[in-house]
Amino acid sequence: MSKLEQIIVIEPPYDLKFKGPFTDVVTTNLKLKNPSDRKVCFKVKTTAPRRYCVRPNSGMIESGATVTVSVMLQPFDYDPNEKSKHKFMVQTIFAPSTATDMDAVWKDATPDDFMDSKLRCVFELPTDNDKMDDVDATKAAPVLNSNADGTSAPKPISTSVDDSEMKKLMDECKRLQYDVGKLSDENRQLKDEGLRMRKAHRSDNIVSSSGATMSKQHSSSSLPSLLVVIAAIFIGFFLGKFVL
């Protein structure tokens, strides 16, 4: 018995393209459409399961419905000279209309019931045109004043906030300059007061020294006078004794 032809429509049908740079997670969508009148179960498999994250990696597609599968390539060191050998396979089977347990559907299926589609992975680096488009989009973004749904976009923050902050800084600088000037004046007054006190203390020392000198002179001058008086008394005493 020949193998069944794939019933679902896969987009893209052959290549899964991942556009770098690959320093971050790169996501590519895979659309699965069921054009038949029966339910279809699917599984997405890869030859490099550690390099990719697939959500959802399995499920059931109702008749006429479409499922979008996100394939996320993990960051890695890209070598342009190395060709990608990674492949994906989308495997499907018809499911009974009353089926609710997919595990049971896959378990009961035979190899002849499987329908397979293979896709290869293609890695691409961004071109110069892509870079220019990103730059143009970045420049145009601030110009927009409304969103696609008609709501107002957030307005850029006014520079008045910066002006007010600058004014506060200027006022603070002026206040600090005033405080510095005031402290300088107080320091100058303290220095002048200290000079006056030192001069006054020096004058007091000079006056004290002068008074002490005069006292000594007076004492020294009065001492001979006292000796003369005492000598006169003794002389008068002796003279009176001998005369009598």
Foldseek 3Di string as FASTA:
>chain_A
DDADADQKDKVVQAEFEFEDPQQAKTKTKIKTFHQDQFKKKKAKDKPCVVQWDKVPRIDIAHHGGMDIIIIIGGGDDDDPVDFFPMKMKMKMFTDHRPDDDVVVVVVPDDPSRIHMGMYGYHYHYDDPVNVVVVVVCVVCVLVDQADPVGHGDDHDDDCVVVVVVVVVVVVVVVVVVVVVVVVVVVVVVVVVVVVVVVVVVVVVVVVVVVVVVVVVVVVVVVVVVVVVVVVVVVVVVVVVVVVD
